[in-house]
Amino acid sequence: RCRTARGKAMGASQSPHTQPDQAGPAKKGFGYDAEAISRKAAPTNEVKLAASPLGGIPGAQAWHTSVIVNGDEFSFSDGGITAARGTDSHDAMAKQAQSSTQVQINTQVFDMGMSSYTGSQLRAALERYFAPGTYDLLKKNCNSFSDCAIAYLLRKRIDGKYRTLESIGARNPGLIASLSGDGYTPNPKVQDFDLEKVIKETDPEKAWEGKGETTGGAVADSREAMRAARLARLGGGGG
């Protein structure tokens, strides 16, 4: 009985960290909690779409659109991607239209949702696809950029009405040229531009698709876990 009591006493005096891990074997890796990191952070970046009507042709309204992330506006023109505040690109167009034609442009701003990606990340992801000198009135314009930007930020698409004129022009560029007083000349730099391909290539989620990649002794079974492992490896975390 003494031995039994003594054995119980000794067992009770053992330090908690010497007890077997009842939750299962310890995780292997690079000194990070892969499960905790893989939990996707709640989106904190407010995304809006600004749209201004600019005329057009019978049955097809022309639009200028831009994307606003946390108050910073991103728009596309012949100068490439421009960053400003609020609805600056729309305000500039409205001021120019009012002074030259007395036409008043009314800009609408729509809440699109919350994104995990910032405006800086958006610009970094898209700027090589929307470089200066690659603007085309029909094939690659501000609405093409806005569509791609919303897809990147929210995995959504803008309303098709904003690109109706482009769709008509793609089928009949001569019509647009005649209606614009021969002011439209196709940009040879963008004839191979494919909006759907760009949206697919810039999808931030696709970079981590797949399963079963070995990451330092543990097999990551989700794109979030794989991303966490790669970041830890690049950061030199020790295990």
Protein backbone atom coordinates (compact mmCIF):
# COMPACT_ATOMS: atom_id res chain seq x y z
CA ARG A 1 0.00 0.00 0.00
CA CYS A 2 2.93 2.30 0.72
CA ARG A 3 4.31 1.66 -2.72
CA THR A 4 0.93 2.40 -4.28
CA ALA A 5 0.45 5.59 -2.30
CA ARG A 6 4.00 6.66 -2.97
CA GLY A 7 3.54 5.96 -6.66
CA LYS A 8 0.42 8.07 -6.70
CA ALA A 9 2.18 10.87 -4.88
CA MET A 10 5.07 10.80 -7.29
CA GLY A 11 2.69 10.81 -10.23
CA ALA A 12 0.82 13.79 -8.78
CA SER A 13 4.05 15.75 -8.34
CA GLN A 14 5.06 15.46 -11.96
CA SER A 15 5.32 18.76 -13.82
CA PRO A 16 2.40 19.36 -16.21
CA HIS A 17 4.69 19.66 -19.19
CA THR A 18 5.89 16.09 -18.70
CA GLN A 19 2.41 14.71 -19.27
CA PRO A 20 1.69 13.17 -22.68
CA ASP A 21 0.02 15.49 -25.13
CA GLN A 22 -3.59 14.38 -25.01
CA ALA A 23 -4.45 16.51 -28.07
CA GLY A 24 -2.22 14.49 -30.35
CA PRO A 25 1.37 14.69 -31.60
CA ALA A 26 3.06 18.08 -31.72
CA LYS A 27 2.99 19.86 -35.04
CA LYS A 28 6.15 19.95 -37.05
CA GLY A 29 7.19 22.85 -39.18
CA PHE A 30 8.97 26.14 -38.90
CA GLY A 31 8.02 27.30 -35.42
CA TYR A 32 4.59 28.69 -36.29
CA ASP A 33 1.06 27.64 -35.61
CA ALA A 34 -0.04 26.65 -39.11
CA GLU A 35 -3.63 26.16 -38.02
CA ALA A 36 -3.87 29.63 -36.50
CA ILE A 37 -2.17 31.35 -39.44
CA SER A 38 -4.28 29.49 -41.97
CA ARG A 39 -7.44 31.01 -40.56
CA LYS A 40 -8.24 33.77 -43.01
CA ALA A 41 -8.33 37.22 -41.46
CA ALA A 42 -11.60 39.10 -41.58
CA PRO A 43 -11.71 41.54 -44.51
CA THR A 44 -11.00 45.08 -43.34
CA ASN A 45 -10.70 47.08 -46.58
CA GLU A 46 -13.80 48.90 -47.78
CA VAL A 47 -14.34 48.68 -51.54
CA LYS A 48 -16.55 50.99 -53.60
CA LEU A 49 -17.25 51.46 -57.30
CA ALA A 50 -17.62 54.99 -58.70
CA ALA A 51 -19.47 55.41 -62.00
CA SER A 52 -20.20 58.46 -64.15
CA PRO A 53 -22.32 58.50 -67.36
CA LEU A 54 -20.50 60.11 -70.29
CA GLY A 55 -22.95 60.00 -73.20
CA GLY A 56 -22.64 57.21 -75.74
CA ILE A 57 -24.78 56.04 -78.66
CA PRO A 58 -28.47 55.09 -78.86
CA GLY A 59 -28.93 51.98 -76.76
CA ALA A 60 -25.45 52.06 -75.25
CA GLN A 61 -24.48 54.41 -72.45
CA ALA A 62 -20.78 55.24 -72.08
CA TRP A 63 -19.36 55.19 -68.56
CA HIS A 64 -16.26 56.17 -66.66
CA THR A 65 -15.66 53.92 -63.65
CA SER A 66 -13.03 53.65 -60.95
CA VAL A 67 -12.48 51.62 -57.79
CA ILE A 68 -12.12 53.12 -54.32
CA VAL A 69 -10.36 51.24 -51.51
CA ASN A 70 -10.48 52.84 -48.06
CA GLY A 71 -11.01 56.24 -49.67
CA ASP A 72 -8.18 55.89 -52.21
CA GLU A 73 -9.32 55.94 -55.83
CA PHE A 74 -7.69 53.77 -58.52
CA SER A 75 -8.49 54.45 -62.17
CA PHE A 76 -6.96 53.63 -65.55
CA SER A 77 -6.18 55.95 -68.48
CA ASP A 78 -3.46 56.35 -71.10
CA GLY A 79 -1.10 57.24 -68.26
CA GLY A 80 -1.62 53.86 -66.62
CA ILE A 81 -3.09 53.31 -63.17
CA THR A 82 -3.62 56.54 -61.24
CA ALA A 83 -4.13 56.76 -57.49
CA ALA A 84 -6.04 59.70 -56.02
CA ARG A 85 -8.56 60.43 -53.27
CA GLY A 86 -12.32 60.10 -53.33
CA THR A 87 -13.73 60.53 -56.83
CA ASP A 88 -10.99 62.81 -58.21
CA SER A 89 -10.98 61.33 -61.73
CA HIS A 90 -14.74 61.80 -62.00
CA ASP A 91 -14.60 65.32 -60.58
CA ALA A 92 -11.98 66.30 -63.17
CA MET A 93 -14.13 64.94 -66.01
CA ALA A 94 -17.22 66.69 -64.66
CA LYS A 95 -15.40 70.00 -64.44
CA GLN A 96 -14.08 69.65 -68.00
CA ALA A 97 -17.49 68.68 -69.38
CA GLN A 98 -19.23 71.54 -67.65
CA SER A 99 -16.76 74.11 -68.91
CA SER A 100 -16.76 72.88 -72.50
CA THR A 101 -20.29 71.58 -73.11
CA GLN A 102 -22.28 72.75 -70.08
CA VAL A 103 -23.18 69.10 -69.49
CA GLN A 104 -23.42 68.12 -65.84
CA ILE A 105 -22.02 64.72 -64.92
CA ASN A 106 -23.50 62.98 -61.89
CA THR A 107 -21.20 60.46 -60.27
CA GLN A 108 -22.64 57.55 -58.31
CA VAL A 109 -20.70 55.60 -55.70
CA PHE A 110 -21.71 52.04 -54.80
CA ASP A 111 -20.63 49.94 -51.82
CA MET A 112 -19.21 46.70 -53.19
CA GLY A 113 -18.07 44.92 -50.03
CA MET A 114 -15.07 44.33 -47.80
CA SER A 115 -11.78 42.89 -49.06
CA SER A 116 -8.75 41.24 -47.48
CA TYR A 117 -6.56 43.12 -49.96
CA THR A 118 -5.44 46.73 -49.82
CA GLY A 119 -5.27 49.36 -52.53
CA SER A 120 -1.49 49.03 -52.62
CA GLN A 121 -1.78 45.30 -53.19
CA LEU A 122 -4.33 45.91 -55.92
CA ARG A 123 -2.07 48.32 -57.75
CA ALA A 124 0.97 46.05 -57.43
CA ALA A 125 -1.00 43.10 -58.84
CA LEU A 126 -2.47 44.94 -61.83
CA GLU A 127 0.02 47.60 -62.87
CA ARG A 128 1.98 45.37 -65.26
CA TYR A 129 -1.26 44.56 -67.09
CA PHE A 130 -2.44 48.19 -67.19
CA ALA A 131 0.78 49.98 -68.08
CA PRO A 132 1.05 53.54 -69.48
CA GLY A 133 0.37 53.74 -73.20
CA THR A 134 -1.84 50.63 -73.27
CA TYR A 135 -5.23 52.34 -73.07
CA ASP A 136 -7.80 51.69 -75.80
CA LEU A 137 -11.24 53.33 -75.89
CA LEU A 138 -13.00 50.03 -76.63
CA LYS A 139 -10.72 47.11 -75.88
CA LYS A 140 -8.91 48.19 -72.72
CA ASN A 141 -10.33 51.18 -70.89
CA CYS A 142 -11.23 52.33 -67.39
CA ASN A 143 -14.11 49.85 -67.21
CA SER A 144 -11.83 46.95 -68.11
CA PHE A 145 -9.61 47.98 -65.21
CA SER A 146 -12.52 48.38 -62.78
CA ASP A 147 -13.85 44.95 -63.71
CA CYS A 148 -10.46 43.38 -63.13
CA ALA A 149 -9.92 45.32 -59.89
CA ILE A 150 -13.26 44.26 -58.40
CA ALA A 151 -12.54 40.66 -59.40
CA TYR A 152 -9.15 40.84 -57.64
CA LEU A 153 -10.50 42.45 -54.48
CA LEU A 154 -13.84 40.69 -54.09
CA ARG A 155 -14.07 37.91 -56.69
CA LYS A 156 -17.03 39.74 -58.16
CA ARG A 157 -17.66 41.42 -61.52
CA ILE A 158 -19.02 44.87 -62.27
CA ASP A 159 -22.46 45.21 -63.84
CA GLY A 160 -22.33 44.42 -67.55
CA LYS A 161 -24.08 47.70 -68.38
CA TYR A 162 -20.82 49.56 -67.79
CA ARG A 163 -19.23 47.72 -70.70
CA THR A 164 -22.13 47.67 -73.16
CA LEU A 165 -20.56 50.26 -75.45
CA GLU A 166 -17.30 48.32 -75.54
CA SER A 167 -19.18 45.15 -76.46
CA ILE A 168 -20.91 46.89 -79.35
CA GLY A 169 -17.65 48.49 -80.46
CA ALA A 170 -15.83 45.17 -80.40
CA ARG A 171 -18.35 43.80 -82.87
CA ASN A 172 -18.44 46.94 -85.00
CA PRO A 173 -15.44 49.24 -84.45
CA GLY A 174 -16.27 51.14 -87.64
CA LEU A 175 -19.54 52.32 -86.05
CA ILE A 176 -17.72 53.80 -83.07
CA ALA A 177 -15.15 55.43 -85.33
CA SER A 178 -17.87 57.11 -87.40
CA LEU A 179 -19.88 58.23 -84.37
CA SER A 180 -16.76 59.69 -82.77
CA GLY A 181 -15.96 61.66 -85.90
CA ASP A 182 -13.12 59.25 -86.77
CA GLY A 183 -11.59 60.17 -83.43
CA TYR A 184 -11.10 56.54 -82.44
CA THR A 185 -8.00 54.71 -83.57
CA PRO A 186 -7.36 51.19 -82.21
CA ASN A 187 -4.23 50.91 -80.07
CA PRO A 188 -1.98 48.24 -81.62
CA LYS A 189 -0.43 47.54 -78.22
CA VAL A 190 -3.61 46.03 -76.83
CA GLN A 191 -4.98 43.95 -79.68
CA ASP A 192 -4.08 40.77 -77.80
CA PHE A 193 -5.50 41.99 -74.49
CA ASP A 194 -7.79 39.38 -72.93
CA LEU A 195 -9.70 40.62 -69.89
CA GLU A 196 -10.81 37.16 -68.77
CA LYS A 197 -7.25 35.87 -68.94
CA VAL A 198 -5.95 38.79 -66.87
CA ILE A 199 -8.65 38.25 -64.23
CA LYS A 200 -7.67 34.59 -63.99
CA GLU A 201 -3.95 35.34 -63.80
CA THR A 202 -4.35 38.01 -61.12
CA ASP A 203 -6.71 36.00 -58.92
CA PRO A 204 -4.90 36.12 -55.54
CA GLU A 205 -6.50 32.86 -54.42
CA LYS A 206 -5.25 30.72 -57.30
CA ALA A 207 -1.61 31.09 -56.21
CA TRP A 208 -2.30 28.76 -53.28
CA GLU A 209 -4.59 26.24 -54.94
CA GLY A 210 -3.71 22.58 -54.69
CA LYS A 211 -3.13 20.10 -51.89
CA GLY A 212 -0.44 17.90 -50.48
CA GLU A 213 2.59 20.16 -50.69
CA THR A 214 5.16 19.18 -48.09
CA THR A 215 6.17 22.16 -45.96
CA GLY A 216 8.95 21.39 -43.52
CA GLY A 217 7.77 18.08 -42.11
CA ALA A 218 4.04 18.75 -42.31
CA VAL A 219 1.70 18.32 -45.23
CA ALA A 220 -0.38 21.42 -45.89
CA ASP A 221 -3.89 20.50 -46.89
CA SER A 222 -5.20 23.98 -47.73
CA ARG A 223 -3.95 26.94 -49.76
CA GLU A 224 -3.93 29.06 -46.59
CA ALA A 225 -1.70 26.57 -44.78
CA MET A 226 0.62 26.35 -47.78
CA ARG A 227 0.87 30.13 -47.91
CA ALA A 228 1.65 30.28 -44.19
CA ALA A 229 4.38 27.68 -44.58
CA ARG A 230 5.98 29.49 -47.50
CA LEU A 231 5.96 32.79 -45.66
CA ALA A 232 7.50 31.16 -42.60
CA ARG A 233 10.18 29.53 -44.73
CA LEU A 234 11.04 32.82 -46.43
CA GLY A 235 11.15 34.55 -43.07
CA GLY A 236 13.66 32.05 -41.74
CA GLY A 237 11.52 30.83 -38.85
CA GLY A 238 13.15 28.13 -36.77
CA GLY A 239 11.46 24.89 -35.76
